[in-house]
Each structure stands twice: as structure tokens, then as C-alpha cells.
Amino acid sequence: TGGAARALDIADSVGNLRPGLDADVVVLDPSATPLLAWVAGRAAGPGHWLGVMQTLGDDRCVAAVYAAGRRVGGTVPGA
């Protein structure tokens, strides 16, 4: 997201996870279902892992959602 923030000339407020910047974050759980855990555990690298999450993931793999620094949702308590 850093490149997009620079292109939009808003890198002073978004684009990475530095303290003081705005960020909405979704924490994914690759072990949310048995099939997802099995396939994600055999991913050949980060790109493959993301493809697995995109293809097999659903609402059950959203462990936590943070908006403006506050937890606003998710399925795993304390995640």
C-alpha cells in the first residue's frame, strides 16, 4: 500500500504500519478450517499462501479486524 499512498500523495498519513499513521488491518487465520490449514501449511511461499487464502478463505478466517486502531470485529477473541 506504500506505493499507492505515494501515488495518491497521502503517504504522510497512510501506506504502512508506522506509529501515528492511519491503518485498517485484517488479521487472517490460516487454520480456520481443516482444508485451509492443510493447503496453507504446504504453501510454497508468501504469494502462494495469499492465493490459498483468497481461494479457500471465507468469513471464518477473519481472526480480527482493526479500524483506526480499535478492534471492531473478528472471530478469534484477543487476536
PDB file of N, CA and C in Angstrom:
ATOM      1  N   THR A   1       0.807  -1.203   0.000  1.00  0.00           N
ATOM      2  CA  THR A   1       0.000   0.000   0.000  1.00  0.00           C
ATOM      3  C   THR A   1       0.849   1.266   0.000  1.00  0.00           C
ATOM      4  N   GLY A   2       2.138   1.131   0.276  1.00  0.00           N
ATOM      5  CA  GLY A   2       3.009   2.304   0.274  1.00  0.00           C
ATOM      6  C   GLY A   2       3.083   2.982  -1.079  1.00  0.00           C
ATOM      7  N   GLY A   3       3.185   2.194  -2.140  1.00  0.00           N
ATOM      8  CA  GLY A   3       3.254   2.766  -3.486  1.00  0.00           C
ATOM      9  C   GLY A   3       1.977   3.490  -3.852  1.00  0.00           C
ATOM     10  N   ALA A   4       0.835   2.897  -3.501  1.00  0.00           N
ATOM     11  CA  ALA A   4      -0.440   3.543  -3.789  1.00  0.00           C
ATOM     12  C   ALA A   4      -0.580   4.839  -2.997  1.00  0.00           C
ATOM     13  N   ALA A   5      -0.131   4.833  -1.742  1.00  0.00           N
ATOM     14  CA  ALA A   5      -0.209   6.050  -0.923  1.00  0.00           C
ATOM     15  C   ALA A   5       0.655   7.162  -1.513  1.00  0.00           C
ATOM     16  N   ARG A   6       1.839   6.804  -1.994  1.00  0.00           N
ATOM     17  CA  ARG A   6       2.705   7.814  -2.628  1.00  0.00           C
ATOM     18  C   ARG A   6       2.070   8.343  -3.912  1.00  0.00           C
ATOM     19  N   ALA A   7       1.494   7.450  -4.703  1.00  0.00           N
ATOM     20  CA  ALA A   7       0.868   7.865  -5.962  1.00  0.00           C
ATOM     21  C   ALA A   7      -0.302   8.813  -5.716  1.00  0.00           C
ATOM     22  N   LEU A   8      -1.005   8.602  -4.604  1.00  0.00           N
ATOM     23  CA  LEU A   8      -2.144   9.456  -4.264  1.00  0.00           C
ATOM     24  C   LEU A   8      -1.736  10.661  -3.418  1.00  0.00           C
ATOM     25  N   ASP A   9      -0.440  10.773  -3.140  1.00  0.00           N
ATOM     26  CA  ASP A   9       0.111  11.870  -2.338  1.00  0.00           C
ATOM     27  C   ASP A   9      -0.509  11.930  -0.933  1.00  0.00           C
ATOM     28  N   ILE A  10      -0.702  10.750  -0.342  1.00  0.00           N
ATOM     29  CA  ILE A  10      -1.225  10.687   1.024  1.00  0.00           C
ATOM     30  C   ILE A  10      -0.314   9.845   1.927  1.00  0.00           C
ATOM     31  N   ALA A  11       0.947   9.664   1.512  1.00  0.00           N
ATOM     32  CA  ALA A  11       1.876   8.814   2.261  1.00  0.00           C
ATOM     33  C   ALA A  11       2.212   9.375   3.638  1.00  0.00           C
ATOM     34  N   ASP A  12       1.885  10.636   3.886  1.00  0.00           N
ATOM     35  CA  ASP A  12       2.155  11.187   5.214  1.00  0.00           C
ATOM     36  C   ASP A  12       1.125  10.721   6.249  1.00  0.00           C
ATOM     37  N   SER A  13       0.037  10.072   5.803  1.00  0.00           N
ATOM     38  CA  SER A  13      -0.968   9.609   6.757  1.00  0.00           C
ATOM     39  C   SER A  13      -1.313   8.122   6.624  1.00  0.00           C
ATOM     40  N   VAL A  14      -1.016   7.497   5.480  1.00  0.00           N
ATOM     41  CA  VAL A  14      -1.310   6.071   5.290  1.00  0.00           C
ATOM     42  C   VAL A  14      -0.197   5.424   4.467  1.00  0.00           C
ATOM     43  N   GLY A  15      -0.245   4.105   4.359  1.00  0.00           N
ATOM     44  CA  GLY A  15       0.684   3.426   3.465  1.00  0.00           C
ATOM     45  C   GLY A  15       1.600   2.435   4.133  1.00  0.00           C
ATOM     46  N   ASN A  16       1.687   2.472   5.467  1.00  0.00           N
ATOM     47  CA  ASN A  16       2.467   1.468   6.191  1.00  0.00           C
ATOM     48  C   ASN A  16       1.971   1.429   7.634  1.00  0.00           C
ATOM     49  N   LEU A  17       2.627   0.656   8.467  1.00  0.00           N
ATOM     50  CA  LEU A  17       2.160   0.466   9.846  1.00  0.00           C
ATOM     51  C   LEU A  17       2.975   1.245  10.871  1.00  0.00           C
ATOM     52  N   ARG A  18       3.613   2.332  10.446  1.00  0.00           N
ATOM     53  CA  ARG A  18       4.357   3.162  11.399  1.00  0.00           C
ATOM     54  C   ARG A  18       3.416   3.781  12.425  1.00  0.00           C
ATOM     55  N   PRO A  19       3.875   3.940  13.669  1.00  0.00           N
ATOM     56  CA  PRO A  19       3.044   4.601  14.679  1.00  0.00           C
ATOM     57  C   PRO A  19       2.619   5.994  14.215  1.00  0.00           C
ATOM     58  N   GLY A  20       1.370   6.335  14.490  1.00  0.00           N
ATOM     59  CA  GLY A  20       0.851   7.644  14.148  1.00  0.00           C
ATOM     60  C   GLY A  20       0.134   7.713  12.808  1.00  0.00           C
ATOM     61  N   LEU A  21       0.277   6.681  11.974  1.00  0.00           N
ATOM     62  CA  LEU A  21      -0.418   6.681  10.681  1.00  0.00           C
ATOM     63  C   LEU A  21      -1.757   5.966  10.813  1.00  0.00           C
ATOM     64  N   ASP A  22      -2.666   6.280   9.901  1.00  0.00           N
ATOM     65  CA  ASP A  22      -3.970   5.623   9.880  1.00  0.00           C
ATOM     66  C   ASP A  22      -3.829   4.255   9.225  1.00  0.00           C
ATOM     67  N   ALA A  23      -4.469   3.243   9.804  1.00  0.00           N
ATOM     68  CA  ALA A  23      -4.418   1.910   9.212  1.00  0.00           C
ATOM     69  C   ALA A  23      -5.640   1.108   9.626  1.00  0.00           C
ATOM     70  N   ASP A  24      -6.223   0.426   8.683  1.00  0.00           N
ATOM     71  CA  ASP A  24      -7.250  -0.570   8.947  1.00  0.00           C
ATOM     72  C   ASP A  24      -6.598  -1.908   8.623  1.00  0.00           C
ATOM     73  N   VAL A  25      -6.684  -2.857   9.540  1.00  0.00           N
ATOM     74  CA  VAL A  25      -5.949  -4.114   9.412  1.00  0.00           C
ATOM     75  C   VAL A  25      -6.894  -5.299   9.607  1.00  0.00           C
ATOM     76  N   VAL A  26      -6.740  -6.309   8.762  1.00  0.00           N
ATOM     77  CA  VAL A  26      -7.469  -7.565   8.908  1.00  0.00           C
ATOM     78  C   VAL A  26      -6.448  -8.651   9.217  1.00  0.00           C
ATOM     79  N   VAL A  27      -6.662  -9.384  10.303  1.00  0.00           N
ATOM     80  CA  VAL A  27      -5.781 -10.480  10.709  1.00  0.00           C
ATOM     81  C   VAL A  27      -6.439 -11.779  10.262  1.00  0.00           C
ATOM     82  N   LEU A  28      -5.729 -12.548   9.438  1.00  0.00           N
ATOM     83  CA  LEU A  28      -6.279 -13.795   8.902  1.00  0.00           C
ATOM     84  C   LEU A  28      -5.763 -15.002   9.670  1.00  0.00           C
ATOM     85  N   ASP A  29      -6.610 -16.010   9.819  1.00  0.00           N
ATOM     86  CA  ASP A  29      -6.266 -17.261  10.498  1.00  0.00           C
ATOM     87  C   ASP A  29      -6.214 -18.382   9.467  1.00  0.00           C
ATOM     88  N   PRO A  30      -5.011 -18.833   9.088  1.00  0.00           N
ATOM     89  CA  PRO A  30      -4.903 -19.872   8.068  1.00  0.00           C
ATOM     90  C   PRO A  30      -5.311 -21.260   8.558  1.00  0.00           C
ATOM     91  N   SER A  31      -5.665 -21.383   9.826  1.00  0.00           N
ATOM     92  CA  SER A  31      -6.107 -22.684  10.335  1.00  0.00           C
ATOM     93  C   SER A  31      -7.602 -22.679  10.651  1.00  0.00           C
ATOM     94  N   ALA A  32      -8.342 -21.773  10.026  1.00  0.00           N
ATOM     95  CA  ALA A  32      -9.771 -21.628  10.315  1.00  0.00           C
ATOM     96  C   ALA A  32     -10.587 -22.859   9.939  1.00  0.00           C
ATOM     97  N   THR A  33     -10.180 -23.581   8.917  1.00  0.00           N
ATOM     98  CA  THR A  33     -10.851 -24.825   8.533  1.00  0.00           C
ATOM     99  C   THR A  33      -9.782 -25.879   8.298  1.00  0.00           C
ATOM    100  N   PRO A  34     -10.121 -27.141   8.433  1.00  0.00           N
ATOM    101  CA  PRO A  34      -9.110 -28.192   8.217  1.00  0.00           C
ATOM    102  C   PRO A  34      -8.484 -28.150   6.819  1.00  0.00           C
ATOM    103  N   LEU A  35      -9.292 -27.955   5.779  1.00  0.00           N
ATOM    104  CA  LEU A  35      -8.745 -27.912   4.422  1.00  0.00           C
ATOM    105  C   LEU A  35      -7.821 -26.714   4.244  1.00  0.00           C
ATOM    106  N   LEU A  36      -8.244 -25.562   4.721  1.00  0.00           N
ATOM    107  CA  LEU A  36      -7.416 -24.363   4.616  1.00  0.00           C
ATOM    108  C   LEU A  36      -6.091 -24.556   5.346  1.00  0.00           C
ATOM    109  N   ALA A  37      -6.133 -25.117   6.534  1.00  0.00           N
ATOM    110  CA  ALA A  37      -4.903 -25.359   7.293  1.00  0.00           C
ATOM    111  C   ALA A  37      -3.974 -26.307   6.543  1.00  0.00           C
ATOM    112  N   TRP A  38      -4.541 -27.348   5.956  1.00  0.00           N
ATOM    113  CA  TRP A  38      -3.728 -28.338   5.247  1.00  0.00           C
ATOM    114  C   TRP A  38      -3.052 -27.714   4.030  1.00  0.00           C
ATOM    115  N   VAL A  39      -3.827 -26.980   3.209  1.00  0.00           N
ATOM    116  CA  VAL A  39      -3.268 -26.403   1.982  1.00  0.00           C
ATOM    117  C   VAL A  39      -2.334 -25.239   2.304  1.00  0.00           C
ATOM    118  N   ALA A  40      -2.728 -24.349   3.210  1.00  0.00           N
ATOM    119  CA  ALA A  40      -1.885 -23.197   3.563  1.00  0.00           C
ATOM    120  C   ALA A  40      -0.568 -23.656   4.185  1.00  0.00           C
ATOM    121  N   GLY A  41      -0.613 -24.762   4.914  1.00  0.00           N
ATOM    122  CA  GLY A  41       0.602 -25.292   5.530  1.00  0.00           C
ATOM    123  C   GLY A  41       1.600 -25.830   4.521  1.00  0.00           C
ATOM    124  N   ARG A  42       1.173 -26.022   3.293  1.00  0.00           N
ATOM    125  CA  ARG A  42       2.045 -26.533   2.233  1.00  0.00           C
ATOM    126  C   ARG A  42       2.353 -25.473   1.180  1.00  0.00           C
ATOM    127  N   ALA A  43       2.019 -24.224   1.469  1.00  0.00           N
ATOM    128  CA  ALA A  43       2.253 -23.132   0.518  1.00  0.00           C
ATOM    129  C   ALA A  43       3.745 -23.002   0.225  1.00  0.00           C
ATOM    130  N   ALA A  44       4.061 -22.758  -1.033  1.00  0.00           N
ATOM    131  CA  ALA A  44       5.453 -22.676  -1.481  1.00  0.00           C
ATOM    132  C   ALA A  44       6.093 -21.318  -1.187  1.00  0.00           C
ATOM    133  N   GLY A  45       5.338 -20.364  -0.722  1.00  0.00           N
ATOM    134  CA  GLY A  45       5.872 -19.039  -0.434  1.00  0.00           C
ATOM    135  C   GLY A  45       4.732 -18.077  -0.147  1.00  0.00           C
ATOM    136  N   PRO A  46       5.046 -16.823   0.157  1.00  0.00           N
ATOM    137  CA  PRO A  46       4.011 -15.847   0.511  1.00  0.00           C
ATOM    138  C   PRO A  46       2.947 -15.655  -0.572  1.00  0.00           C
ATOM    139  N   GLY A  47       3.353 -15.614  -1.827  1.00  0.00           N
ATOM    140  CA  GLY A  47       2.390 -15.443  -2.909  1.00  0.00           C
ATOM    141  C   GLY A  47       1.427 -16.608  -3.002  1.00  0.00           C
ATOM    142  N   HIS A  48       1.959 -17.805  -2.849  1.00  0.00           N
ATOM    143  CA  HIS A  48       1.115 -18.998  -2.874  1.00  0.00           C
ATOM    144  C   HIS A  48       0.181 -18.997  -1.675  1.00  0.00           C
ATOM    145  N   TRP A  49       0.689 -18.634  -0.496  1.00  0.00           N
ATOM    146  CA  TRP A  49      -0.119 -18.584   0.718  1.00  0.00           C
ATOM    147  C   TRP A  49      -1.284 -17.612   0.534  1.00  0.00           C
ATOM    148  N   LEU A  50      -1.008 -16.436  -0.003  1.00  0.00           N
ATOM    149  CA  LEU A  50      -2.075 -15.462  -0.237  1.00  0.00           C
ATOM    150  C   LEU A  50      -3.109 -15.994  -1.231  1.00  0.00           C
ATOM    151  N   GLY A  51      -2.641 -16.711  -2.263  1.00  0.00           N
ATOM    152  CA  GLY A  51      -3.563 -17.310  -3.219  1.00  0.00           C
ATOM    153  C   GLY A  51      -4.461 -18.341  -2.575  1.00  0.00           C
ATOM    154  N   VAL A  52      -3.897 -19.132  -1.676  1.00  0.00           N
ATOM    155  CA  VAL A  52      -4.677 -20.132  -0.941  1.00  0.00           C
ATOM    156  C   VAL A  52      -5.733 -19.433  -0.092  1.00  0.00           C
ATOM    157  N   MET A  53      -5.335 -18.388   0.620  1.00  0.00           N
ATOM    158  CA  MET A  53      -6.276 -17.657   1.478  1.00  0.00           C
ATOM    159  C   MET A  53      -7.386 -17.024   0.639  1.00  0.00           C
ATOM    160  N   GLN A  54      -7.031 -16.493  -0.525  1.00  0.00           N
ATOM    161  CA  GLN A  54      -8.015 -15.857  -1.395  1.00  0.00           C
ATOM    162  C   GLN A  54      -8.997 -16.886  -1.961  1.00  0.00           C
ATOM    163  N   THR A  55      -8.486 -18.052  -2.302  1.00  0.00           N
ATOM    164  CA  THR A  55      -9.305 -19.071  -2.941  1.00  0.00           C
ATOM    165  C   THR A  55     -10.156 -19.857  -1.949  1.00  0.00           C
ATOM    166  N   LEU A  56      -9.564 -20.262  -0.846  1.00  0.00           N
ATOM    167  CA  LEU A  56     -10.262 -21.133   0.101  1.00  0.00           C
ATOM    168  C   LEU A  56     -10.807 -20.402   1.325  1.00  0.00           C
ATOM    169  N   GLY A  57     -10.354 -19.190   1.556  1.00  0.00           N
ATOM    170  CA  GLY A  57     -10.767 -18.463   2.747  1.00  0.00           C
ATOM    171  C   GLY A  57     -12.188 -17.940   2.651  1.00  0.00           C
ATOM    172  N   ASP A  58     -12.805 -17.778   3.799  1.00  0.00           N
ATOM    173  CA  ASP A  58     -14.129 -17.172   3.897  1.00  0.00           C
ATOM    174  C   ASP A  58     -14.194 -16.404   5.211  1.00  0.00           C
ATOM    175  N   ASP A  59     -15.388 -16.057   5.653  1.00  0.00           N
ATOM    176  CA  ASP A  59     -15.510 -15.243   6.852  1.00  0.00           C
ATOM    177  C   ASP A  59     -14.923 -15.909   8.098  1.00  0.00           C
ATOM    178  N   ARG A  60     -14.793 -17.228   8.095  1.00  0.00           N
ATOM    179  CA  ARG A  60     -14.243 -17.918   9.264  1.00  0.00           C
ATOM    180  C   ARG A  60     -12.761 -17.644   9.469  1.00  0.00           C
ATOM    181  N   CYS A  61     -12.047 -17.200   8.431  1.00  0.00           N
ATOM    182  CA  CYS A  61     -10.611 -16.955   8.607  1.00  0.00           C
ATOM    183  C   CYS A  61     -10.297 -15.515   8.989  1.00  0.00           C
ATOM    184  N   VAL A  62     -11.289 -14.699   9.224  1.00  0.00           N
ATOM    185  CA  VAL A  62     -11.051 -13.335   9.702  1.00  0.00           C
ATOM    186  C   VAL A  62     -10.948 -13.398  11.224  1.00  0.00           C
ATOM    187  N   ALA A  63      -9.716 -13.444  11.710  1.00  0.00           N
ATOM    188  CA  ALA A  63      -9.480 -13.568  13.142  1.00  0.00           C
ATOM    189  C   ALA A  63      -9.768 -12.262  13.868  1.00  0.00           C
ATOM    190  N   ALA A  64      -9.416 -11.131  13.259  1.00  0.00           N
ATOM    191  CA  ALA A  64      -9.630  -9.834  13.890  1.00  0.00           C
ATOM    192  C   ALA A  64      -9.650  -8.752  12.828  1.00  0.00           C
ATOM    193  N   VAL A  65     -10.408  -7.703  13.112  1.00  0.00           N
ATOM    194  CA  VAL A  65     -10.471  -6.539  12.241  1.00  0.00           C
ATOM    195  C   VAL A  65     -10.239  -5.308  13.103  1.00  0.00           C
ATOM    196  N   TYR A  66      -9.287  -4.474  12.676  1.00  0.00           N
ATOM    197  CA  TYR A  66      -8.984  -3.243  13.389  1.00  0.00           C
ATOM    198  C   TYR A  66      -9.219  -2.064  12.446  1.00  0.00           C
ATOM    199  N   ALA A  67      -9.933  -1.065  12.929  1.00  0.00           N
ATOM    200  CA  ALA A  67     -10.155   0.161  12.175  1.00  0.00           C
ATOM    201  C   ALA A  67      -9.787   1.329  13.077  1.00  0.00           C
ATOM    202  N   ALA A  68      -8.946   2.208  12.551  1.00  0.00           N
ATOM    203  CA  ALA A  68      -8.494   3.378  13.317  1.00  0.00           C
ATOM    204  C   ALA A  68      -7.907   2.971  14.666  1.00  0.00           C
ATOM    205  N   GLY A  69      -7.204   1.830  14.689  1.00  0.00           N
ATOM    206  CA  GLY A  69      -6.524   1.386  15.897  1.00  0.00           C
ATOM    207  C   GLY A  69      -7.382   0.660  16.906  1.00  0.00           C
ATOM    208  N   ARG A  70      -8.645   0.462  16.615  1.00  0.00           N
ATOM    209  CA  ARG A  70      -9.540  -0.227  17.558  1.00  0.00           C
ATOM    210  C   ARG A  70     -10.083  -1.505  16.923  1.00  0.00           C
ATOM    211  N   ARG A  71     -10.164  -2.535  17.738  1.00  0.00           N
ATOM    212  CA  ARG A  71     -10.731  -3.787  17.244  1.00  0.00           C
ATOM    213  C   ARG A  71     -12.231  -3.613  17.024  1.00  0.00           C
ATOM    214  N   VAL A  72     -12.686  -3.966  15.835  1.00  0.00           N
ATOM    215  CA  VAL A  72     -14.105  -3.787  15.511  1.00  0.00           C
ATOM    216  C   VAL A  72     -14.783  -5.086  15.081  1.00  0.00           C
ATOM    217  N   GLY A  73     -14.048  -6.186  15.045  1.00  0.00           N
ATOM    218  CA  GLY A  73     -14.671  -7.448  14.655  1.00  0.00           C
ATOM    219  C   GLY A  73     -13.668  -8.566  14.599  1.00  0.00           C
ATOM    220  N   GLY A  74     -14.152  -9.735  14.177  1.00  0.00           N
ATOM    221  CA  GLY A  74     -13.315 -10.904  14.040  1.00  0.00           C
ATOM    222  C   GLY A  74     -13.903 -12.078  14.784  1.00  0.00           C
ATOM    223  N   THR A  75     -13.323 -13.240  14.559  1.00  0.00           N
ATOM    224  CA  THR A  75     -13.864 -14.466  15.141  1.00  0.00           C
ATOM    225  C   THR A  75     -13.019 -15.038  16.258  1.00  0.00           C
ATOM    226  N   VAL A  76     -11.796 -14.554  16.453  1.00  0.00           N
ATOM    227  CA  VAL A  76     -10.905 -15.109  17.469  1.00  0.00           C
ATOM    228  C   VAL A  76     -10.761 -14.091  18.596  1.00  0.00           C
ATOM    229  N   PRO A  77     -11.252 -14.406  19.802  1.00  0.00           N
ATOM    230  CA  PRO A  77     -11.112 -13.472  20.907  1.00  0.00           C
ATOM    231  C   PRO A  77      -9.638 -13.158  21.195  1.00  0.00           C
ATOM    232  N   GLY A  78      -9.335 -11.905  21.349  1.00  0.00           N
ATOM    233  CA  GLY A  78      -7.976 -11.490  21.684  1.00  0.00           C
ATOM    234  C   GLY A  78      -6.988 -11.484  20.537  1.00  0.00           C
ATOM    235  N   ALA A  79      -7.419 -11.838  19.331  1.00  0.00           N
ATOM    236  CA  ALA A  79      -6.493 -11.874  18.185  1.00  0.00           C
ATOM    237  C   ALA A  79      -6.108 -10.471  17.776  1.00  0.00           C
TER     238      ALA A  79
END
